[in-house]
Amino acid sequence: MASYDNNLIVIGAGSGGLIAALVAATLRARVTLIERHKMGGDCLNTGCVPSKTLLSAAKAAHIMRHGADYGLQSVEPQVNFAAVMERVQRAIATIEPKDSVERYSSLGVNCIIGDAEFVDDHSVRVNGEVITARSIIVATGGTPFVPPLPGLESITPLTSDNVWELREQPRRLVVVGGGPIGCELAQAFARLGTEVTQVQMGSHIMDREDPEVAAHMQEVLRSEGVRIELNARAVAVAPGALTIERDGERSELPFDQLLFAVGRRANTAGLNLEAAGVKLSDRGTVAVDEYLRSSTPNIFACGDVAGPYQFTHMASHQAGYAALNALFGRLWKTKVDYGVVPWATYTEPEVARVGLSEEEATAAGVAYDVTRYGLDDLDRAIAEGNADGWVKVLTKPGSDRILGACIVGPHAGEIVQEFVSAMTHGMGLKKIMGTIHIYPTVAEANKLAAGAWRKARAPQGALDLLGRVFALTR
């Protein structure tokens, strides 16, 4: 085309799309952002915000139930489930203006609510109108996957998308899936008083984490009343019952509500990607290269629709690269940096990780040393009665270079950030040990873990010599 309506069109106003559009508008490019449903995407409306709001209510109920641990009277909480879920909606409504059409329009983004479909590699139809752009970014996110089980049509299953519509608390909830979403929701509902059964195909939940983390979290969830069925496969659904199979034997799990948390699939349906020559990967995501370019060079993708990571912070991270490469790719382009990727699961205790785990390092043939610091030694954790957890750091043998860190404990998602920064900027444990940490804080565990690393490598011969010298000078 001789000219275009826009420099950039962004399809999808979730975490990735919002950031991509904002970057383009900040650089004074003309950008149109198209969203078919709600601004803010999954994170605001059905993911991070509602789930963490629900978890906070569940934690309050848990503390009430264990008041005696703090010298208070333990009481069984009287849960007003409808009020809990309305509080979730208030949290969404409070944050919503940050992601609204009004705000992004004021920042120079042309926002359109409607279904977008490609006409060709530079044209998109929305609300019956065709608009054009030199470059286009697909940031349509993902949708919870519901396996096509026999009998599924007889019920309305729950997912992380629609569970927030509940106003009547289920007496019995079956959660299929042992990943972060399944574990968070299983613990939250159990703490609010629902009888929860969690079904996991594998031999342990949280299969992306260290085996010791998975084993520990299984103990925690079971101690809070969650029934965990491992090595179990969901095979059929009937009203009020899920049939599972283990070692060739079948059994039924009764439920009032059935929730699936078995992964997500990319939102590509209805986009007419074929018209633009955009190919999909074997996983059903938009196939992209290291610059987030699709098979059509002027069309890019970021976030869950592209992968490989399905995290809100990864969508935001990718979005900056996608926007800059889409706008300036004819002059220069930058590869996405996946060198340091952290994540967290917001159960209690929280689980956070960055870099290699022991299993991954072993599988990759990477030599490593392990340093471990238990939170049962941390003053702040002891004072708060929340000392369940540890900091584990993998380092390169003979060096303080950090290969990975795993934290289990209160605020793990916050305190892991120090390791993320250190790994990103090439700092080792010596720098962490030499940094002043406020006392008493949970983040002090990082400094103490670094100190444990140093103590294990103290030059004993030199220290013994010093001891003799000081003995002579007394």
Protein backbone atom coordinates (compact mmCIF):
# COMPACT_ATOMS: atom_id res chain seq x y z
CA MET A 1 0.00 0.00 0.00
CA ALA A 2 1.07 3.58 -0.64
CA SER A 3 -0.11 4.61 2.84
CA TYR A 4 -1.77 3.16 5.93
CA ASP A 5 -4.33 4.31 8.47
CA ASN A 6 -1.97 3.39 11.31
CA ASN A 7 1.64 2.70 12.01
CA LEU A 8 0.52 -0.16 14.24
CA ILE A 9 -2.61 -2.17 15.02
CA VAL A 10 -2.67 -4.18 18.24
CA ILE A 11 -5.30 -6.91 18.58
CA GLY A 12 -6.07 -7.69 22.21
CA ALA A 13 -6.03 -5.36 25.23
CA GLY A 14 -4.63 -7.67 27.87
CA SER A 15 -1.26 -7.18 29.54
CA GLY A 16 0.72 -7.59 26.31
CA GLY A 17 -1.56 -5.55 24.08
CA LEU A 18 -1.85 -2.66 26.52
CA ILE A 19 1.91 -2.34 26.89
CA ALA A 20 2.52 -2.64 23.14
CA ALA A 21 -0.04 0.06 22.39
CA LEU A 22 1.35 2.33 25.13
CA VAL A 23 4.91 1.98 23.81
CA ALA A 24 3.77 2.88 20.31
CA ALA A 25 1.72 5.86 21.47
CA THR A 26 4.58 7.11 23.67
CA LEU A 27 6.80 7.10 20.58
CA ARG A 28 4.13 9.19 18.80
CA ALA A 29 3.15 6.42 16.40
CA ARG A 30 -0.47 6.20 15.34
CA VAL A 31 -1.77 3.03 16.98
CA THR A 32 -5.18 1.38 17.11
CA LEU A 33 -5.95 -1.08 19.90
CA ILE A 34 -8.79 -3.55 19.33
CA GLU A 35 -10.39 -5.52 22.16
CA ARG A 36 -13.35 -7.84 21.68
CA HIS A 37 -14.41 -8.17 25.31
CA LYS A 38 -12.98 -6.31 28.32
CA MET A 39 -9.98 -4.02 28.54
CA GLY A 40 -7.35 -5.45 30.86
CA GLY A 41 -7.76 -8.99 29.58
CA ASP A 42 -7.43 -12.07 31.75
CA CYS A 43 -5.11 -10.59 34.37
CA LEU A 44 -7.54 -7.90 35.46
CA ASN A 45 -10.85 -9.63 34.88
CA THR A 46 -10.39 -13.37 35.46
CA GLY A 47 -6.79 -14.01 36.50
CA CYS A 48 -4.28 -12.29 38.75
CA VAL A 49 -6.50 -9.66 40.34
CA PRO A 50 -9.55 -11.76 41.24
CA SER A 51 -7.53 -14.79 42.32
CA LYS A 52 -5.29 -12.81 44.68
CA THR A 53 -8.34 -11.04 46.12
CA LEU A 54 -9.97 -14.39 46.80
CA LEU A 55 -6.75 -15.73 48.34
CA SER A 56 -6.59 -12.78 50.73
CA ALA A 57 -10.11 -13.55 52.01
CA ALA A 58 -9.20 -17.21 52.38
CA LYS A 59 -6.09 -16.26 54.37
CA ALA A 60 -8.19 -14.16 56.74
CA ALA A 61 -10.47 -17.15 57.32
CA HIS A 62 -7.45 -19.36 57.95
CA ILE A 63 -6.02 -16.96 60.53
CA MET A 64 -9.35 -16.81 62.35
CA ARG A 65 -9.44 -20.58 62.48
CA HIS A 66 -5.93 -20.63 63.96
CA GLY A 67 -6.19 -17.69 66.33
CA ALA A 68 -4.82 -19.79 69.21
CA ASP A 69 -1.44 -19.79 67.46
CA TYR A 70 -1.30 -16.04 68.16
CA GLY A 71 -2.67 -16.13 71.70
CA LEU A 72 -6.17 -15.34 70.49
CA GLN A 73 -9.35 -17.35 70.57
CA SER A 74 -9.74 -19.58 67.54
CA VAL A 75 -13.10 -19.12 65.87
CA GLU A 76 -14.70 -20.83 62.92
CA PRO A 77 -15.29 -18.07 60.37
CA GLN A 78 -18.83 -17.44 59.20
CA VAL A 79 -18.21 -17.13 55.48
CA ASN A 80 -20.52 -14.93 53.44
CA PHE A 81 -19.42 -16.33 50.11
CA ALA A 82 -21.46 -13.90 48.05
CA ALA A 83 -19.83 -11.00 49.91
CA VAL A 84 -16.39 -12.53 49.31
CA MET A 85 -17.05 -12.69 45.58
CA GLU A 86 -18.47 -9.16 45.54
CA ARG A 87 -15.24 -8.01 47.17
CA VAL A 88 -13.42 -9.63 44.26
CA GLN A 89 -15.50 -7.56 41.85
CA ARG A 90 -14.80 -4.38 43.81
CA ALA A 91 -11.07 -4.99 43.52
CA ILE A 92 -11.44 -5.40 39.76
CA ALA A 93 -13.53 -2.24 39.53
CA THR A 94 -10.95 -0.27 41.53
CA ILE A 95 -8.09 -1.26 39.23
CA GLU A 96 -10.15 -1.15 36.02
CA PRO A 97 -9.68 2.57 35.25
CA LYS A 98 -5.94 2.00 34.76
CA ASP A 99 -6.73 -0.26 31.80
CA SER A 100 -9.79 1.59 30.51
CA VAL A 101 -10.61 2.94 27.06
CA GLU A 102 -10.77 6.42 28.58
CA ARG A 103 -7.23 6.25 29.97
CA TYR A 104 -5.65 4.78 26.87
CA SER A 105 -7.51 7.19 24.64
CA SER A 106 -6.10 10.05 26.73
CA LEU A 107 -2.64 8.61 26.14
CA GLY A 108 -3.05 8.74 22.38
CA VAL A 109 -4.28 5.22 21.63
CA ASN A 110 -7.24 4.78 19.30
CA CYS A 111 -9.32 2.15 21.13
CA ILE A 112 -12.01 0.05 19.43
CA ILE A 113 -14.24 -2.55 21.10
CA GLY A 114 -15.13 -5.26 18.62
CA ASP A 115 -14.10 -8.54 16.98
CA ALA A 116 -11.07 -8.23 14.72
CA GLU A 117 -10.32 -10.44 11.74
CA PHE A 118 -7.58 -10.21 9.17
CA VAL A 119 -8.45 -9.23 5.62
CA ASP A 120 -4.83 -9.45 4.46
CA ASP A 121 -1.40 -8.90 5.97
CA HIS A 122 -1.95 -5.16 6.43
CA SER A 123 -5.73 -4.97 6.88
CA VAL A 124 -8.10 -5.83 9.72
CA ARG A 125 -11.89 -5.74 9.72
CA VAL A 126 -13.61 -4.66 12.92
CA ASN A 127 -17.27 -3.68 13.35
CA GLY A 128 -17.71 -3.80 9.58
CA GLU A 129 -14.88 -1.34 8.90
CA VAL A 130 -11.51 -2.19 7.38
CA ILE A 131 -8.50 -0.44 8.91
CA THR A 132 -4.89 -0.77 7.81
CA ALA A 133 -1.45 -0.59 9.37
CA ARG A 134 2.14 -1.06 8.32
CA SER A 135 2.58 -3.55 11.19
CA ILE A 136 0.21 -5.56 13.35
CA ILE A 137 0.65 -7.23 16.73
CA VAL A 138 -1.53 -10.17 17.80
CA ALA A 139 -1.92 -10.16 21.60
CA THR A 140 -5.17 -12.07 22.03
CA GLY A 141 -4.09 -14.13 25.02
CA GLY A 142 -5.35 -17.56 25.95
CA THR A 143 -8.41 -19.43 27.19
CA PRO A 144 -8.65 -22.16 29.82
CA PHE A 145 -8.61 -25.59 28.21
CA VAL A 146 -11.49 -27.90 29.06
CA PRO A 147 -10.86 -31.50 27.97
CA PRO A 148 -13.65 -33.03 25.85
CA LEU A 149 -14.72 -35.65 28.37
CA PRO A 150 -17.76 -37.85 27.77
CA GLY A 151 -20.78 -36.36 29.54
CA LEU A 152 -19.33 -32.88 29.83
CA GLU A 153 -22.35 -31.47 28.05
CA SER A 154 -24.49 -32.47 31.04
CA ILE A 155 -22.93 -29.80 33.31
CA THR A 156 -21.55 -26.28 33.18
CA PRO A 157 -17.92 -26.69 34.22
CA LEU A 158 -15.99 -24.00 36.02
CA THR A 159 -12.69 -22.55 34.85
CA SER A 160 -10.58 -19.61 35.94
CA ASP A 161 -12.74 -17.57 33.54
CA ASN A 162 -16.19 -18.16 35.03
CA VAL A 163 -15.54 -19.21 38.65
CA TRP A 164 -15.87 -15.54 39.59
CA GLU A 165 -19.55 -15.64 38.64
CA LEU A 166 -20.31 -17.94 41.59
CA ARG A 167 -22.31 -16.42 44.44
CA GLU A 168 -23.32 -19.64 46.19
CA GLN A 169 -20.46 -21.50 47.82
CA PRO A 170 -20.16 -25.11 46.63
CA ARG A 171 -20.19 -27.63 49.46
CA ARG A 172 -18.02 -30.01 47.39
CA LEU A 173 -15.59 -28.83 44.72
CA VAL A 174 -13.48 -31.05 42.49
CA VAL A 175 -10.48 -29.31 40.93
CA VAL A 176 -8.90 -31.06 37.94
CA GLY A 177 -5.29 -29.93 37.60
CA GLY A 178 -2.31 -29.61 39.93
CA GLY A 179 -0.59 -26.54 38.50
CA PRO A 180 -0.47 -23.04 39.99
CA ILE A 181 -4.10 -22.12 39.24
CA GLY A 182 -5.43 -25.43 40.50
CA CYS A 183 -3.41 -25.26 43.71
CA GLU A 184 -4.28 -21.64 44.45
CA LEU A 185 -8.02 -22.18 43.97
CA ALA A 186 -8.01 -25.51 45.81
CA GLN A 187 -6.42 -23.91 48.88
CA ALA A 188 -8.63 -20.82 48.72
CA PHE A 189 -11.90 -22.75 48.56
CA ALA A 190 -10.78 -25.21 51.23
CA ARG A 191 -9.91 -22.36 53.61
CA LEU A 192 -13.34 -20.86 53.00
CA GLY A 193 -14.94 -24.13 54.08
CA THR A 194 -15.59 -26.07 50.86
CA GLU A 195 -14.73 -29.77 50.71
CA VAL A 196 -12.10 -29.81 47.97
CA THR A 197 -10.73 -32.75 45.98
CA GLN A 198 -7.84 -32.09 43.61
CA VAL A 199 -7.14 -34.47 40.73
CA GLN A 200 -3.67 -34.62 39.19
CA MET A 201 -2.55 -36.91 36.36
CA GLY A 202 1.08 -36.91 37.49
CA SER A 203 2.79 -38.25 40.57
CA HIS A 204 2.82 -34.85 42.29
CA ILE A 205 1.29 -31.40 42.07
CA MET A 206 3.30 -28.35 40.95
CA ASP A 207 5.28 -30.45 38.51
CA ARG A 208 7.32 -27.45 37.30
CA GLU A 209 8.85 -27.03 40.75
CA ASP A 210 11.48 -28.97 42.68
CA PRO A 211 10.17 -32.36 43.89
CA GLU A 212 10.75 -31.26 47.49
CA VAL A 213 8.60 -28.17 46.88
CA ALA A 214 5.83 -30.31 45.39
CA ALA A 215 6.00 -32.78 48.29
CA HIS A 216 5.92 -29.96 50.83
CA MET A 217 2.94 -28.26 49.21
CA GLN A 218 1.07 -31.56 49.04
CA GLU A 219 1.53 -31.91 52.80
CA VAL A 220 0.36 -28.34 53.35
CA LEU A 221 -2.78 -28.70 51.22
CA ARG A 222 -3.65 -32.05 52.74
CA SER A 223 -3.19 -30.64 56.25
CA GLU A 224 -5.76 -27.99 55.33
CA GLY A 225 -8.28 -30.59 54.22
CA VAL A 226 -7.67 -30.83 50.48
CA ARG A 227 -7.99 -34.40 49.24
CA ILE A 228 -5.36 -34.93 46.53
CA GLU A 229 -5.78 -37.74 44.01
CA LEU A 230 -2.44 -38.36 42.27
CA ASN A 231 -1.76 -40.45 39.15
CA ALA A 232 -5.45 -40.07 38.41
CA ARG A 233 -6.98 -39.29 35.03
CA ALA A 234 -10.41 -37.74 34.55
CA VAL A 235 -12.28 -39.94 32.07
CA ALA A 236 -15.99 -39.03 32.24
CA VAL A 237 -18.45 -36.58 33.74
CA ALA A 238 -22.01 -37.03 34.94
CA PRO A 239 -24.19 -34.56 36.85
CA GLY A 240 -22.68 -34.49 40.33
CA ALA A 241 -19.82 -36.93 39.73
CA LEU A 242 -16.44 -37.10 38.01
CA THR A 243 -15.11 -40.51 37.01
CA ILE A 244 -11.36 -40.93 37.42
CA GLU A 245 -9.09 -43.79 36.45
CA ARG A 246 -5.96 -44.93 38.27
CA ASP A 247 -4.00 -48.09 37.44
CA GLY A 248 -6.88 -49.32 35.30
CA GLU A 249 -9.46 -48.96 38.08
CA ARG A 250 -12.24 -46.39 37.99
CA SER A 251 -13.93 -44.53 40.81
CA GLU A 252 -16.28 -41.59 41.17
CA LEU A 253 -15.72 -38.28 42.92
CA PRO A 254 -18.93 -36.48 43.91
CA PHE A 255 -19.13 -32.73 43.41
CA ASP A 256 -21.42 -29.74 43.48
CA GLN A 257 -19.07 -27.85 41.17
CA LEU A 258 -16.32 -29.12 38.89
CA LEU A 259 -13.41 -26.82 38.02
CA PHE A 260 -10.85 -27.46 35.30
CA ALA A 261 -7.35 -25.97 35.65
CA VAL A 262 -5.40 -28.07 33.17
CA GLY A 263 -3.73 -25.40 31.09
CA ARG A 264 -4.61 -22.78 28.51
CA ARG A 265 -4.79 -22.62 24.75
CA ALA A 266 -4.05 -19.67 22.51
CA ASN A 267 -6.92 -17.47 21.33
CA THR A 268 -6.62 -17.66 17.55
CA ALA A 269 -10.12 -18.68 16.49
CA GLY A 270 -12.00 -16.09 14.47
CA LEU A 271 -8.93 -14.02 13.60
CA ASN A 272 -8.78 -15.39 10.04
CA LEU A 273 -5.00 -15.64 10.33
CA GLU A 274 -4.91 -17.60 7.09
CA ALA A 275 -5.84 -14.47 5.14
CA ALA A 276 -2.63 -12.86 6.40
CA GLY A 277 -0.47 -15.93 5.88
CA VAL A 278 0.16 -16.34 9.62
CA LYS A 279 1.06 -19.91 10.61
CA LEU A 280 0.47 -21.67 13.92
CA SER A 281 2.91 -23.82 15.87
CA ASP A 282 2.29 -27.43 16.86
CA ARG A 283 0.99 -26.09 20.20
CA GLY A 284 -1.63 -23.96 18.48
CA THR A 285 0.13 -20.70 19.27
CA VAL A 286 1.16 -18.13 16.67
CA ALA A 287 4.56 -19.32 15.50
CA VAL A 288 7.11 -16.55 16.08
CA ASP A 289 10.87 -16.17 15.77
CA GLU A 290 13.30 -14.65 18.26
CA TYR A 291 12.06 -11.18 17.27
CA LEU A 292 8.39 -12.17 17.83
CA ARG A 293 7.76 -12.03 14.07
CA SER A 294 5.21 -14.43 12.67
CA SER A 295 5.53 -16.19 9.34
CA THR A 296 4.34 -12.89 7.85
CA PRO A 297 7.20 -10.46 8.56
CA ASN A 298 5.12 -7.39 9.41
CA ILE A 299 2.84 -9.30 11.80
CA PHE A 300 4.07 -9.97 15.35
CA ALA A 301 2.65 -11.74 18.39
CA CYS A 302 3.25 -11.59 22.15
CA GLY A 303 1.86 -13.04 25.36
CA ASP A 304 -0.07 -16.29 25.78
CA VAL A 305 -1.02 -16.40 22.09
CA ALA A 306 2.68 -16.70 21.26
CA GLY A 307 4.23 -18.41 24.29
CA PRO A 308 6.47 -20.01 25.38
CA TYR A 309 5.64 -18.70 28.88
CA GLN A 310 2.10 -17.99 30.06
CA PHE A 311 2.74 -15.28 32.64
CA THR A 312 1.34 -11.78 32.78
CA HIS A 313 4.81 -10.37 33.38
CA MET A 314 6.13 -12.27 30.37
CA ALA A 315 3.39 -10.83 28.15
CA SER A 316 4.42 -7.35 29.30
CA HIS A 317 8.09 -8.18 28.76
CA GLN A 318 7.48 -9.45 25.24
CA ALA A 319 5.21 -6.53 24.39
CA GLY A 320 8.02 -3.99 24.51
CA TYR A 321 10.11 -6.03 22.09
CA ALA A 322 7.13 -6.66 19.80
CA ALA A 323 6.22 -2.97 19.64
CA LEU A 324 9.77 -1.76 18.98
CA ASN A 325 10.46 -4.47 16.40
CA ALA A 326 7.14 -3.78 14.69
CA LEU A 327 7.85 -0.04 14.48
CA PHE A 328 11.58 -0.10 13.75
CA GLY A 329 12.18 -3.58 12.36
CA ARG A 330 13.10 -2.31 8.91
CA LEU A 331 16.04 -0.42 10.48
CA TRP A 332 17.00 -2.62 13.43
CA LYS A 333 15.41 -5.25 15.62
CA THR A 334 16.11 -6.87 18.99
CA LYS A 335 15.83 -10.49 20.09
CA VAL A 336 13.63 -11.18 23.10
CA ASP A 337 15.66 -11.85 26.23
CA TYR A 338 14.49 -15.00 28.01
CA GLY A 339 17.69 -15.31 30.03
CA VAL A 340 16.11 -14.70 33.45
CA VAL A 341 12.45 -15.68 33.81
CA PRO A 342 10.88 -15.71 37.29
CA TRP A 343 7.46 -16.90 38.40
CA ALA A 344 5.47 -17.44 41.58
CA THR A 345 2.55 -19.51 42.85
CA TYR A 346 0.50 -17.65 45.45
CA THR A 347 -0.43 -20.49 47.72
CA GLU A 348 0.51 -20.22 51.39
CA PRO A 349 3.40 -20.62 51.67
CA GLU A 350 4.17 -18.90 48.40
CA VAL A 351 6.51 -20.60 45.94
CA ALA A 352 8.78 -18.52 43.70
CA ARG A 353 11.57 -19.49 41.35
CA VAL A 354 14.02 -18.06 38.86
CA GLY A 355 16.64 -19.82 36.78
CA LEU A 356 17.49 -23.51 36.98
CA SER A 357 16.09 -26.05 39.42
CA GLU A 358 18.19 -28.99 40.54
CA GLU A 359 16.30 -31.31 38.18
CA GLU A 360 16.78 -28.98 35.23
CA ALA A 361 20.46 -28.46 35.96
CA THR A 362 21.03 -32.20 36.23
CA ALA A 363 19.11 -32.90 33.02
CA ALA A 364 21.14 -30.24 31.18
CA GLY A 365 24.44 -31.53 32.54
CA VAL A 366 25.12 -28.26 34.38
CA ALA A 367 27.30 -28.63 37.46
CA TYR A 368 26.05 -26.78 40.52
CA ASP A 369 26.42 -26.27 44.26
CA VAL A 370 23.41 -25.93 46.55
CA THR A 371 23.06 -23.49 49.44
CA ARG A 372 19.98 -23.68 51.62
CA TYR A 373 18.71 -21.38 54.34
CA GLY A 374 15.65 -22.35 56.41
CA LEU A 375 13.14 -19.67 57.38
CA ASP A 376 12.81 -21.32 60.79
CA ASP A 377 16.05 -19.40 61.57
CA LEU A 378 14.75 -16.03 60.29
CA ASP A 379 13.78 -13.61 63.05
CA ARG A 380 10.92 -11.92 61.17
CA ALA A 381 9.40 -15.24 60.14
CA ILE A 382 9.64 -16.55 63.71
CA ALA A 383 8.08 -13.36 65.12
CA GLU A 384 5.14 -13.61 62.74
CA GLY A 385 4.68 -17.34 63.28
CA ASN A 386 5.20 -17.90 59.58
CA ALA A 387 8.51 -19.74 59.38
CA ASP A 388 7.42 -22.51 57.03
CA GLY A 389 9.83 -22.45 54.10
CA TRP A 390 13.35 -21.96 52.85
CA VAL A 391 15.63 -20.22 50.37
CA LYS A 392 17.62 -22.49 48.08
CA VAL A 393 20.26 -21.13 45.72
CA LEU A 394 22.15 -22.95 42.97
CA THR A 395 25.59 -21.55 42.16
CA LYS A 396 28.34 -22.40 39.73
CA PRO A 397 31.00 -24.54 41.47
CA GLY A 398 33.95 -22.42 42.55
CA SER A 399 31.99 -19.21 41.97
CA ASP A 400 29.23 -17.11 43.54
CA ARG A 401 27.45 -16.88 40.17
CA ILE A 402 23.75 -17.64 40.67
CA LEU A 403 22.29 -20.32 38.41
CA GLY A 404 18.87 -20.42 40.02
CA ALA A 405 16.94 -19.69 43.19
CA CYS A 406 13.85 -21.22 44.73
CA ILE A 407 12.01 -19.64 47.64
CA VAL A 408 9.21 -21.19 49.66
CA GLY A 409 7.68 -18.95 52.29
CA PRO A 410 5.88 -15.70 53.02
CA HIS A 411 6.22 -13.06 50.29
CA ALA A 412 8.36 -15.38 48.17
CA GLY A 413 7.19 -13.58 45.03
CA GLU A 414 8.64 -10.33 46.40
CA ILE A 415 11.91 -11.55 47.86
CA VAL A 416 12.87 -13.60 44.80
CA GLN A 417 13.18 -10.30 42.93
CA GLU A 418 16.60 -9.70 44.47
CA PHE A 419 17.86 -12.87 42.81
CA VAL A 420 16.14 -11.86 39.55
CA SER A 421 17.98 -8.53 39.58
CA ALA A 422 21.27 -10.14 40.53
CA MET A 423 21.05 -12.70 37.72
CA THR A 424 19.92 -10.10 35.19
CA HIS A 425 22.80 -7.75 35.95
CA GLY A 426 25.53 -10.31 36.56
CA MET A 427 25.83 -9.98 40.34
CA GLY A 428 26.66 -12.92 42.55
CA LEU A 429 26.02 -13.91 46.16
CA LYS A 430 28.93 -11.80 47.40
CA LYS A 431 27.13 -8.65 46.23
CA ILE A 432 23.93 -9.76 47.97
CA MET A 433 25.87 -10.52 51.15
CA GLY A 434 27.49 -7.07 50.96
CA THR A 435 24.15 -5.28 50.59
CA ILE A 436 22.46 -3.81 53.68
CA HIS A 437 19.13 -5.48 54.29
CA ILE A 438 16.62 -3.93 56.69
CA TYR A 439 16.14 -5.86 59.93
CA PRO A 440 13.79 -7.55 60.58
CA THR A 441 12.43 -8.36 57.13
CA VAL A 442 11.69 -11.55 55.22
CA ALA A 443 14.01 -10.29 52.46
CA GLU A 444 16.89 -10.61 54.93
CA ALA A 445 16.70 -14.34 54.18
CA ASN A 446 18.51 -13.64 50.91
CA LYS A 447 21.47 -12.06 52.71
CA LEU A 448 21.55 -14.91 55.24
CA ALA A 449 21.47 -17.47 52.44
CA ALA A 450 24.41 -15.67 50.82
CA GLY A 451 26.14 -15.74 54.20
CA ALA A 452 25.56 -19.48 54.46
CA TRP A 453 27.19 -19.86 51.04
CA ARG A 454 30.22 -17.86 52.20
CA LYS A 455 30.51 -19.69 55.52
CA ALA A 456 30.60 -23.06 53.76
CA ARG A 457 33.60 -21.80 51.77
CA ALA A 458 35.50 -20.13 54.57
CA PRO A 459 39.31 -20.74 54.33
CA GLN A 460 39.70 -22.91 57.42
CA GLY A 461 43.50 -23.03 57.21
CA ALA A 462 43.79 -19.26 57.13
CA LEU A 463 41.29 -18.91 59.99
CA ASP A 464 43.23 -21.40 62.11
CA LEU A 465 46.42 -19.42 61.48
CA LEU A 466 44.69 -16.21 62.51
CA GLY A 467 43.53 -17.89 65.67
CA ARG A 468 47.10 -18.75 66.60
CA VAL A 469 48.25 -15.20 65.81
CA PHE A 470 45.58 -13.67 68.02
CA ALA A 471 46.40 -16.16 70.77
CA LEU A 472 50.02 -14.92 70.73
CA THR A 473 49.00 -11.25 70.87
CA ARG A 474 46.61 -11.50 73.81
